[in-house]
Amino acid sequence: MFDHLILLLVSFIANAFSAFVGGGAGLLQLPILLFLGLPFSIALATHKIATIALGIGATLRHIRERNLNLKFSLVILVSGLPGVILGANIILFVPDKIATLSLGILTTGLGFYSWFSPSLGQNLQTKHRTLTGYIIGSCVIFFIGILNGSLTSGTGLFVTLWLVYWFGLNYKLAVAYTLVLVGLFWNASGALTLALQTEVKWEWLPVLILASIAGGYVGAHLSIVKSNKMIKRTFEVVTILVGLKLMSGAFMPL
């Protein structure tokens, strides 16, 4: 019962923040699974399955706004899903400390880049919607998909910032796309691939799913009603924290 209460509280907080800024649920949720005694592979698979519920919670709120473009959504899905499946297939067979350290450095750098770019993501400025722009954007999304399938946290933040930087979305809209498409579809693909290869702590999933749906809905609601400026600043703080957490995890057990 005590373990379940800890999981409920930590998972709710992690997923609410993740739904608010477009990623980073693994910053708290995965470490607590490891702290409670799960081996890394089981904790990762359990965490990935639970994050599907985050996408469900966020989708339930964002779908009411009807602000997602179907064509653009398909670009993100078609580009990213093969990368997610590829990443999930290789993570259990290769050491990931170097990749985790590199991802941590890059994530922290992205946070500082956004911090020192005051106008970034504050207004919707559609750009790179040509064939060349879509090809370049899709290639980067495919690479982020590989990271999403193979690493533990932070990759949703990459998608959010890439949509802001390359395609000109504001933070509100970028977070919506990330939470619905990455949170639901990408995570479902990665979770299924991992679940077929390793064990899952099924008895903990009901609590994690409940907290993830509730946290996802609350966080998505806040991302809709709050200003772009507030979302941007929170995104930057969470991104830097995720980056530092990834870097520390590359040198010591989580």
Protein backbone atom coordinates (compact mmCIF):
# COMPACT_ATOMS: atom_id res chain seq x y z
CA MET A 1 0.00 0.00 0.00
CA PHE A 2 2.83 2.42 0.85
CA ASP A 3 4.55 1.70 -2.47
CA HIS A 4 1.30 2.36 -4.30
CA LEU A 5 0.78 5.70 -2.54
CA ILE A 6 4.31 6.79 -3.47
CA LEU A 7 3.75 5.72 -7.07
CA LEU A 8 0.42 7.55 -7.24
CA LEU A 9 1.82 10.83 -5.93
CA VAL A 10 5.11 10.85 -7.86
CA SER A 11 3.52 9.68 -11.10
CA PHE A 12 0.77 12.32 -10.92
CA ILE A 13 3.28 15.13 -10.37
CA ALA A 14 5.65 13.84 -13.07
CA ASN A 15 2.92 13.48 -15.67
CA ALA A 16 1.28 16.81 -14.87
CA PHE A 17 4.59 18.61 -15.44
CA SER A 18 5.23 16.55 -18.56
CA ALA A 19 1.84 17.39 -20.06
CA PHE A 20 2.35 21.06 -19.25
CA VAL A 21 5.71 21.45 -21.01
CA GLY A 22 5.68 18.61 -23.55
CA GLY A 23 7.90 15.92 -22.01
CA GLY A 24 10.06 14.85 -19.09
CA ALA A 25 7.82 12.42 -17.17
CA GLY A 26 10.71 9.97 -16.86
CA LEU A 27 12.65 12.51 -14.78
CA LEU A 28 10.68 11.39 -11.71
CA GLN A 29 8.69 8.31 -12.68
CA LEU A 30 11.48 6.00 -13.83
CA PRO A 31 13.81 6.71 -10.86
CA ILE A 32 11.02 5.95 -8.36
CA LEU A 33 10.43 2.57 -10.03
CA LEU A 34 14.14 1.82 -9.70
CA PHE A 35 14.15 3.08 -6.09
CA LEU A 36 11.32 0.68 -5.26
CA GLY A 37 13.47 -2.23 -6.44
CA LEU A 38 12.71 -2.94 -10.09
CA PRO A 39 15.57 -3.95 -12.40
CA PHE A 40 16.26 -1.38 -15.11
CA SER A 41 14.73 -3.28 -18.04
CA ILE A 42 11.50 -4.04 -16.13
CA ALA A 43 11.29 -0.47 -14.80
CA LEU A 44 11.80 0.94 -18.32
CA ALA A 45 9.11 -1.27 -19.88
CA THR A 46 6.67 -0.51 -17.03
CA HIS A 47 7.37 3.21 -17.32
CA LYS A 48 6.89 3.19 -21.09
CA ILE A 49 3.50 1.46 -20.79
CA ALA A 50 2.38 3.92 -18.12
CA THR A 51 3.30 6.87 -20.33
CA ILE A 52 0.64 5.76 -22.81
CA ALA A 53 -1.89 6.82 -20.18
CA LEU A 54 -0.23 10.24 -20.07
CA GLY A 55 -0.97 10.56 -23.78
CA ILE A 56 -4.57 9.45 -23.20
CA GLY A 57 -5.09 12.03 -20.46
CA ALA A 58 -3.56 14.81 -22.54
CA THR A 59 -5.50 13.78 -25.65
CA LEU A 60 -8.81 13.87 -23.75
CA ARG A 61 -8.15 17.54 -22.98
CA HIS A 62 -6.48 18.69 -26.20
CA ILE A 63 -9.03 17.02 -28.48
CA ARG A 64 -11.64 19.48 -27.25
CA GLU A 65 -9.63 22.38 -28.65
CA ARG A 66 -9.58 20.95 -32.22
CA ASN A 67 -6.35 22.76 -33.03
CA LEU A 68 -4.28 19.86 -34.45
CA ASN A 69 -3.83 19.64 -38.21
CA LEU A 70 -4.30 16.10 -39.56
CA LYS A 71 -1.69 16.38 -42.33
CA PHE A 72 0.95 17.76 -39.98
CA SER A 73 0.08 15.11 -37.39
CA LEU A 74 0.63 12.37 -39.96
CA VAL A 75 4.07 13.80 -40.79
CA ILE A 76 5.10 13.49 -37.12
CA LEU A 77 3.66 9.97 -36.83
CA VAL A 78 5.06 8.56 -40.08
CA SER A 79 8.47 10.11 -39.43
CA GLY A 80 8.80 9.14 -35.80
CA LEU A 81 7.16 5.73 -35.36
CA PRO A 82 9.80 3.72 -37.32
CA GLY A 83 12.50 5.40 -35.24
CA VAL A 84 10.70 4.56 -31.98
CA ILE A 85 10.41 0.88 -32.91
CA LEU A 86 14.05 0.77 -34.02
CA GLY A 87 15.22 2.41 -30.79
CA ALA A 88 13.14 0.12 -28.58
CA ASN A 89 14.59 -2.93 -30.33
CA ILE A 90 18.21 -1.95 -29.73
CA ILE A 91 18.09 -0.50 -26.21
CA LEU A 92 18.15 -3.85 -24.39
CA PHE A 93 21.23 -5.02 -26.28
CA VAL A 94 23.61 -2.05 -26.20
CA PRO A 95 25.21 -0.06 -23.36
CA ASP A 96 23.60 3.37 -23.22
CA LYS A 97 25.85 5.44 -20.93
CA ILE A 98 27.57 7.33 -23.73
CA ALA A 99 24.25 7.95 -25.46
CA THR A 100 22.66 9.03 -22.18
CA LEU A 101 25.52 11.44 -21.44
CA SER A 102 25.34 12.91 -24.94
CA LEU A 103 21.58 13.27 -24.70
CA GLY A 104 21.93 14.95 -21.30
CA ILE A 105 24.43 17.49 -22.62
CA LEU A 106 22.28 18.21 -25.66
CA THR A 107 19.07 18.48 -23.60
CA THR A 108 20.68 20.93 -21.18
CA GLY A 109 21.97 22.92 -24.14
CA LEU A 110 18.47 23.09 -25.64
CA GLY A 111 17.12 24.42 -22.35
CA PHE A 112 19.72 27.19 -22.24
CA TYR A 113 19.20 27.92 -25.95
CA SER A 114 15.50 28.52 -25.34
CA TRP A 115 16.27 30.54 -22.20
CA PHE A 116 18.50 32.94 -24.11
CA SER A 117 16.05 33.23 -27.03
CA PRO A 118 13.26 35.34 -25.49
CA SER A 119 11.03 35.44 -28.57
CA LEU A 120 11.29 31.71 -29.38
CA GLY A 121 7.90 30.00 -29.51
CA GLN A 122 5.91 33.02 -28.36
CA ASN A 123 4.03 33.45 -31.63
CA LEU A 124 2.88 31.08 -34.35
CA GLN A 125 5.08 31.64 -37.42
CA THR A 126 4.49 28.89 -39.97
CA LYS A 127 7.71 28.02 -41.81
CA HIS A 128 9.54 25.21 -43.64
CA ARG A 129 6.28 23.81 -45.04
CA THR A 130 7.91 23.04 -48.41
CA LEU A 131 8.93 19.57 -49.57
CA THR A 132 12.55 20.20 -48.56
CA GLY A 133 11.46 21.60 -45.21
CA TYR A 134 9.29 18.56 -44.50
CA ILE A 135 12.09 16.15 -45.49
CA ILE A 136 14.63 17.81 -43.17
CA GLY A 137 12.08 18.11 -40.38
CA SER A 138 11.03 14.47 -40.79
CA CYS A 139 14.63 13.21 -40.70
CA VAL A 140 15.21 14.94 -37.37
CA ILE A 141 11.90 13.62 -36.02
CA PHE A 142 12.95 10.10 -37.08
CA PHE A 143 16.22 10.49 -35.13
CA ILE A 144 14.32 11.79 -32.08
CA GLY A 145 12.04 8.75 -32.44
CA ILE A 146 15.07 6.45 -32.11
CA LEU A 147 16.04 8.27 -28.91
CA ASN A 148 12.46 8.05 -27.65
CA GLY A 149 12.39 4.29 -28.10
CA SER A 150 15.84 3.66 -26.64
CA LEU A 151 16.26 6.16 -23.81
CA THR A 152 14.33 6.86 -20.66
CA SER A 153 13.26 10.49 -20.57
CA GLY A 154 13.57 13.88 -22.16
CA THR A 155 12.91 13.05 -25.80
CA GLY A 156 9.42 14.55 -25.78
CA LEU A 157 11.10 17.83 -24.92
CA PHE A 158 13.20 17.44 -28.09
CA VAL A 159 10.07 17.10 -30.19
CA THR A 160 8.49 20.15 -28.57
CA LEU A 161 11.51 22.36 -29.21
CA TRP A 162 12.04 21.05 -32.75
CA LEU A 163 8.43 21.85 -33.66
CA VAL A 164 8.94 25.35 -32.26
CA TYR A 165 12.32 25.93 -33.89
CA TRP A 166 11.90 24.31 -37.31
CA PHE A 167 8.19 24.52 -38.07
CA GLY A 168 7.51 27.81 -36.25
CA LEU A 169 4.89 26.58 -33.78
CA ASN A 170 4.34 28.42 -30.52
CA TYR A 171 4.89 26.50 -27.28
CA LYS A 172 1.18 25.93 -26.69
CA LEU A 173 0.64 24.24 -30.03
CA ALA A 174 3.95 22.35 -29.97
CA VAL A 175 3.12 20.89 -26.55
CA ALA A 176 -0.30 19.80 -27.86
CA TYR A 177 1.24 17.91 -30.80
CA THR A 178 3.90 16.34 -28.59
CA LEU A 179 1.51 15.13 -25.91
CA VAL A 180 -1.04 13.66 -28.31
CA LEU A 181 1.26 12.15 -30.94
CA VAL A 182 4.38 11.32 -28.92
CA GLY A 183 2.63 10.71 -25.61
CA LEU A 184 0.03 8.39 -27.10
CA PHE A 185 1.23 6.87 -30.38
CA TRP A 186 5.03 6.94 -30.06
CA ASN A 187 4.93 5.68 -26.49
CA ALA A 188 2.44 2.95 -27.36
CA SER A 189 4.76 1.64 -30.09
CA GLY A 190 7.81 1.75 -27.83
CA ALA A 191 5.95 0.16 -24.92
CA LEU A 192 4.64 -2.71 -27.05
CA THR A 193 8.09 -3.40 -28.48
CA LEU A 194 9.68 -3.45 -25.01
CA ALA A 195 6.86 -5.51 -23.46
CA LEU A 196 7.48 -8.24 -26.04
CA GLN A 197 11.15 -8.45 -25.02
CA THR A 198 11.19 -8.10 -21.24
CA GLU A 199 9.03 -8.44 -18.12
CA VAL A 200 6.57 -5.81 -16.94
CA LYS A 201 5.48 -5.06 -13.36
CA TRP A 202 1.81 -5.49 -14.21
CA GLU A 203 0.53 -5.17 -10.64
CA TRP A 204 1.84 -1.59 -10.40
CA LEU A 205 0.35 -0.46 -13.69
CA PRO A 206 -3.22 0.32 -12.50
CA VAL A 207 -1.89 2.94 -10.07
CA LEU A 208 0.58 4.33 -12.62
CA ILE A 209 -2.08 4.49 -15.32
CA LEU A 210 -4.58 6.25 -13.04
CA ALA A 211 -1.98 8.83 -11.99
CA SER A 212 -0.76 9.28 -15.58
CA ILE A 213 -4.24 9.90 -17.00
CA ALA A 214 -5.11 12.35 -14.22
CA GLY A 215 -1.73 14.09 -14.40
CA GLY A 216 -1.85 14.22 -18.19
CA TYR A 217 -5.29 15.80 -18.19
CA VAL A 218 -4.42 18.39 -15.53
CA GLY A 219 -1.11 19.28 -17.19
CA ALA A 220 -2.76 19.56 -20.62
CA HIS A 221 -5.44 21.84 -19.18
CA LEU A 222 -2.78 24.11 -17.67
CA SER A 223 -0.88 24.24 -20.98
CA ILE A 224 -4.05 25.45 -22.68
CA VAL A 225 -5.06 28.14 -20.17
CA LYS A 226 -1.61 29.46 -19.27
CA SER A 227 0.47 31.84 -21.38
CA ASN A 228 3.16 30.88 -23.89
CA LYS A 229 5.68 32.75 -21.75
CA MET A 230 4.91 30.66 -18.67
CA ILE A 231 5.00 27.41 -20.66
CA LYS A 232 8.31 28.44 -22.22
CA ARG A 233 9.94 29.22 -18.87
CA THR A 234 8.69 25.98 -17.29
CA PHE A 235 9.87 24.06 -20.36
CA GLU A 236 13.35 25.53 -19.94
CA VAL A 237 13.56 24.64 -16.24
CA VAL A 238 12.33 21.08 -16.83
CA THR A 239 14.64 20.63 -19.83
CA ILE A 240 17.72 21.70 -17.88
CA LEU A 241 16.75 19.43 -14.95
CA VAL A 242 16.19 16.47 -17.29
CA GLY A 243 19.57 17.12 -18.94
CA LEU A 244 21.37 17.23 -15.59
CA LYS A 245 19.57 14.07 -14.49
CA LEU A 246 20.61 12.25 -17.67
CA MET A 247 24.23 13.35 -17.27
CA SER A 248 24.35 12.22 -13.64
CA GLY A 249 22.77 8.90 -14.61
CA ALA A 250 25.59 8.29 -17.08
CA PHE A 251 28.11 8.23 -14.22
CA MET A 252 26.19 6.52 -11.44
CA PRO A 253 23.31 4.06 -11.02
CA LEU A 254 19.87 5.68 -11.13
